[in-house]
Structures are given as structure tokens and as C-alpha cells.
Amino acid sequence: MKKILFIINTPPYSNKRGTAQLDAAMVAAAFDAEVSLMFSGDGIYSLLPNQSAHAIDQRAFSKVLEALSDYEVNQLYVCSESLASRGIVLSDLMPVQPLDLAAQRTLIATQDAVIGAAL
């Protein structure tokens, strides 16, 4: 089984990149890849609840993230440095595991493929 890490580092509604990565993650998981997601930089805003995507006529990230478990994508990580620099606390987000930079490097090193910006 291939291990694929998707790194989402863009804000949720600035472009279609984050949504495309989530869609690709679900497709990869449907084809039996072991998929992980890591949110860093402004991508951590994707994890905030109560998004009003309908106001800008887009699909809400939070709804897509909720569907990930249906595809057995349960390994969700967030960059702890990105949280600290933006003043966001872990309890403000949907359930994710925080990783410092050393842990992120270790995670990346164990993957068969990394999609998105790496450290």
C-alpha cells in the first residue's frame, strides 16, 4: 500500500488548490492508498469550524473534511508553528494532531509520495 501525504498550505477559499488536494486525497484513498493530510501556513484556516462558504458560492472545506473518514483518511496533522504564529489554539480546530518541524520531517520521510509544498 502506497503512503501519500497531502500538504495543504493555502487558505481555504483563495483558490481551488486546497479543494483539489482534498479531492485527490479521497480518490487516492479510494484506490487503497494510505493517505495523510497536513495543514500548514494559511492552510490551517481550513480546519476552523463554522465556515460560511455558501456566502461566496463555494463548497465548505469543513464539510469535505468531515467526509474524509468515509474514505478512511484519519491521519490529519497541523503544523504547530503555524498555529502559534497565527494565534490559533488547537481546541479551536477540528480534531487534528499537531506536529513540530522535526516531526513533520519524519512524517515526510516515511511517505512514498508528498503532494504539495514540503519543508
C-alpha atoms as a PDB file:
ATOM      1  CA  MET A   1       0.000   0.000   0.000  1.00  0.00           C
ATOM      2  CA  LYS A   2       1.401   3.385  -1.032  1.00  0.00           C
ATOM      3  CA  LYS A   3       1.657   6.099   1.609  1.00  0.00           C
ATOM      4  CA  ILE A   4       0.728   9.553   0.311  1.00  0.00           C
ATOM      5  CA  LEU A   5       0.904  12.805   2.247  1.00  0.00           C
ATOM      6  CA  PHE A   6      -1.005  15.859   1.029  1.00  0.00           C
ATOM      7  CA  ILE A   7       0.239  19.184   2.411  1.00  0.00           C
ATOM      8  CA  ILE A   8      -2.350  21.952   2.321  1.00  0.00           C
ATOM      9  CA  ASN A   9      -0.797  25.360   2.896  1.00  0.00           C
ATOM     10  CA  THR A  10      -3.111  27.800   1.137  1.00  0.00           C
ATOM     11  CA  PRO A  11      -6.152  29.492   2.694  1.00  0.00           C
ATOM     12  CA  PRO A  12      -9.368  27.593   2.057  1.00  0.00           C
ATOM     13  CA  TYR A  13     -11.082  29.919  -0.399  1.00  0.00           C
ATOM     14  CA  SER A  14      -8.232  31.789  -2.085  1.00  0.00           C
ATOM     15  CA  ASN A  15      -8.040  29.348  -4.996  1.00  0.00           C
ATOM     16  CA  LYS A  16      -9.043  25.800  -5.917  1.00  0.00           C
ATOM     17  CA  ARG A  17      -5.736  24.188  -4.895  1.00  0.00           C
ATOM     18  CA  GLY A  18      -6.795  23.072  -1.411  1.00  0.00           C
ATOM     19  CA  THR A  19     -10.098  21.678  -2.649  1.00  0.00           C
ATOM     20  CA  ALA A  20      -8.319  19.854  -5.466  1.00  0.00           C
ATOM     21  CA  GLN A  21      -5.890  18.331  -2.964  1.00  0.00           C
ATOM     22  CA  LEU A  22      -8.761  17.127  -0.773  1.00  0.00           C
ATOM     23  CA  ASP A  23     -10.473  15.601  -3.797  1.00  0.00           C
ATOM     24  CA  ALA A  24      -7.224  13.917  -4.856  1.00  0.00           C
ATOM     25  CA  ALA A  25      -6.735  12.589  -1.320  1.00  0.00           C
ATOM     26  CA  MET A  26     -10.169  10.965  -1.383  1.00  0.00           C
ATOM     27  CA  VAL A  27      -9.515   9.439  -4.811  1.00  0.00           C
ATOM     28  CA  ALA A  28      -6.148   8.066  -3.656  1.00  0.00           C
ATOM     29  CA  ALA A  29      -7.770   6.603  -0.547  1.00  0.00           C
ATOM     30  CA  ALA A  30     -10.495   5.011  -2.678  1.00  0.00           C
ATOM     31  CA  PHE A  31      -7.704   3.211  -4.550  1.00  0.00           C
ATOM     32  CA  ASP A  32      -6.290   1.826  -1.297  1.00  0.00           C
ATOM     33  CA  ALA A  33      -3.505   4.320  -0.681  1.00  0.00           C
ATOM     34  CA  GLU A  34      -2.726   5.184   2.934  1.00  0.00           C
ATOM     35  CA  VAL A  35      -3.481   8.906   2.876  1.00  0.00           C
ATOM     36  CA  SER A  36      -2.435  11.573   5.379  1.00  0.00           C
ATOM     37  CA  LEU A  37      -3.149  15.293   5.333  1.00  0.00           C
ATOM     38  CA  MET A  38      -1.007  18.003   6.872  1.00  0.00           C
ATOM     39  CA  PHE A  39      -2.182  21.584   7.183  1.00  0.00           C
ATOM     40  CA  SER A  40       0.433  24.304   7.450  1.00  0.00           C
ATOM     41  CA  GLY A  41       0.751  28.010   6.821  1.00  0.00           C
ATOM     42  CA  ASP A  42      -2.552  29.613   5.920  1.00  0.00           C
ATOM     43  CA  GLY A  43      -3.911  26.137   5.177  1.00  0.00           C
ATOM     44  CA  ILE A  44      -4.694  25.786   8.883  1.00  0.00           C
ATOM     45  CA  TYR A  45      -7.655  28.127   8.360  1.00  0.00           C
ATOM     46  CA  SER A  46      -9.287  25.209   6.511  1.00  0.00           C
ATOM     47  CA  LEU A  47      -9.665  23.487   9.884  1.00  0.00           C
ATOM     48  CA  LEU A  48     -11.751  26.207  11.510  1.00  0.00           C
ATOM     49  CA  PRO A  49     -15.397  25.267  12.093  1.00  0.00           C
ATOM     50  CA  ASN A  50     -18.446  27.291  11.066  1.00  0.00           C
ATOM     51  CA  GLN A  51     -17.178  28.369   7.675  1.00  0.00           C
ATOM     52  CA  SER A  52     -19.609  30.360   5.538  1.00  0.00           C
ATOM     53  CA  ALA A  53     -18.589  29.114   2.123  1.00  0.00           C
ATOM     54  CA  HIS A  54     -22.130  29.459   0.791  1.00  0.00           C
ATOM     55  CA  ALA A  55     -21.739  33.237   1.107  1.00  0.00           C
ATOM     56  CA  ILE A  56     -19.090  33.095  -1.622  1.00  0.00           C
ATOM     57  CA  ASP A  57     -20.783  30.254  -3.521  1.00  0.00           C
ATOM     58  CA  GLN A  58     -18.120  27.651  -2.755  1.00  0.00           C
ATOM     59  CA  ARG A  59     -18.077  24.224  -1.182  1.00  0.00           C
ATOM     60  CA  ALA A  60     -17.259  24.366   2.538  1.00  0.00           C
ATOM     61  CA  PHE A  61     -13.944  22.794   3.479  1.00  0.00           C
ATOM     62  CA  SER A  62     -15.388  21.673   6.789  1.00  0.00           C
ATOM     63  CA  LYS A  63     -17.985  19.522   5.002  1.00  0.00           C
ATOM     64  CA  VAL A  64     -15.338  17.902   2.819  1.00  0.00           C
ATOM     65  CA  LEU A  65     -13.094  17.303   5.836  1.00  0.00           C
ATOM     66  CA  GLU A  66     -15.968  15.585   7.638  1.00  0.00           C
ATOM     67  CA  ALA A  67     -16.308  13.188   4.695  1.00  0.00           C
ATOM     68  CA  LEU A  68     -12.656  12.101   4.873  1.00  0.00           C
ATOM     69  CA  SER A  69     -13.383   9.445   7.469  1.00  0.00           C
ATOM     70  CA  ASP A  70     -15.737   7.764   4.960  1.00  0.00           C
ATOM     71  CA  TYR A  71     -12.622   7.244   2.815  1.00  0.00           C
ATOM     72  CA  GLU A  72     -10.591   6.043   5.797  1.00  0.00           C
ATOM     73  CA  VAL A  73      -8.480   9.206   5.781  1.00  0.00           C
ATOM     74  CA  ASN A  74      -7.991   9.651   9.504  1.00  0.00           C
ATOM     75  CA  GLN A  75      -4.411  10.887   9.753  1.00  0.00           C
ATOM     76  CA  LEU A  76      -4.817  14.657   9.942  1.00  0.00           C
ATOM     77  CA  TYR A  77      -1.930  16.809  11.111  1.00  0.00           C
ATOM     78  CA  VAL A  78      -1.348  20.504  11.684  1.00  0.00           C
ATOM     79  CA  CYS A  79       1.907  22.441  11.899  1.00  0.00           C
ATOM     80  CA  SER A  80       2.268  23.613  15.489  1.00  0.00           C
ATOM     81  CA  GLU A  81       4.437  26.559  14.403  1.00  0.00           C
ATOM     82  CA  SER A  82       1.709  27.717  12.000  1.00  0.00           C
ATOM     83  CA  LEU A  83      -0.809  27.611  14.852  1.00  0.00           C
ATOM     84  CA  ALA A  84       1.424  29.636  17.154  1.00  0.00           C
ATOM     85  CA  SER A  85       2.308  32.279  14.553  1.00  0.00           C
ATOM     86  CA  ARG A  86      -1.384  32.851  13.789  1.00  0.00           C
ATOM     87  CA  GLY A  87      -2.576  32.818  17.392  1.00  0.00           C
ATOM     88  CA  ILE A  88      -4.848  29.821  16.847  1.00  0.00           C
ATOM     89  CA  VAL A  89      -5.163  27.204  19.566  1.00  0.00           C
ATOM     90  CA  LEU A  90      -5.654  23.545  18.817  1.00  0.00           C
ATOM     91  CA  SER A  91      -9.016  23.453  20.586  1.00  0.00           C
ATOM     92  CA  ASP A  92     -10.363  25.967  18.010  1.00  0.00           C
ATOM     93  CA  LEU A  93      -9.912  23.413  15.221  1.00  0.00           C
ATOM     94  CA  MET A  94     -11.495  20.177  14.215  1.00  0.00           C
ATOM     95  CA  PRO A  95      -9.564  17.159  15.568  1.00  0.00           C
ATOM     96  CA  VAL A  96      -6.000  17.058  14.253  1.00  0.00           C
ATOM     97  CA  GLN A  97      -2.626  16.073  15.641  1.00  0.00           C
ATOM     98  CA  PRO A  98      -0.088  18.903  15.998  1.00  0.00           C
ATOM     99  CA  LEU A  99       3.422  18.288  14.670  1.00  0.00           C
ATOM    100  CA  ASP A 100       6.542  20.366  15.217  1.00  0.00           C
ATOM    101  CA  LEU A 101       9.013  20.769  12.336  1.00  0.00           C
ATOM    102  CA  ALA A 102      11.103  17.735  13.333  1.00  0.00           C
ATOM    103  CA  ALA A 103       8.011  15.508  13.434  1.00  0.00           C
ATOM    104  CA  GLN A 104       6.895  16.889  10.064  1.00  0.00           C
ATOM    105  CA  ARG A 105      10.262  15.992   8.517  1.00  0.00           C
ATOM    106  CA  THR A 106       9.957  12.481   9.951  1.00  0.00           C
ATOM    107  CA  LEU A 107       6.427  12.113   8.570  1.00  0.00           C
ATOM    108  CA  ILE A 108       7.531  13.301   5.136  1.00  0.00           C
ATOM    109  CA  ALA A 109      10.473  10.892   5.125  1.00  0.00           C
ATOM    110  CA  THR A 110       8.147   7.911   5.679  1.00  0.00           C
ATOM    111  CA  GLN A 111       5.908   8.655   2.689  1.00  0.00           C
ATOM    112  CA  ASP A 112       6.057   7.189  -0.802  1.00  0.00           C
ATOM    113  CA  ALA A 113       4.761  10.460  -2.247  1.00  0.00           C
ATOM    114  CA  VAL A 114       4.244  14.012  -0.985  1.00  0.00           C
ATOM    115  CA  ILE A 115       1.777  16.270  -2.760  1.00  0.00           C
ATOM    116  CA  GLY A 116       2.077  19.976  -2.019  1.00  0.00           C
ATOM    117  CA  ALA A 117       4.788  22.137  -0.552  1.00  0.00           C
ATOM    118  CA  ALA A 118       7.370  20.327   1.546  1.00  0.00           C
ATOM    119  CA  LEU A 119       9.579  21.798   4.246  1.00  0.00           C
END
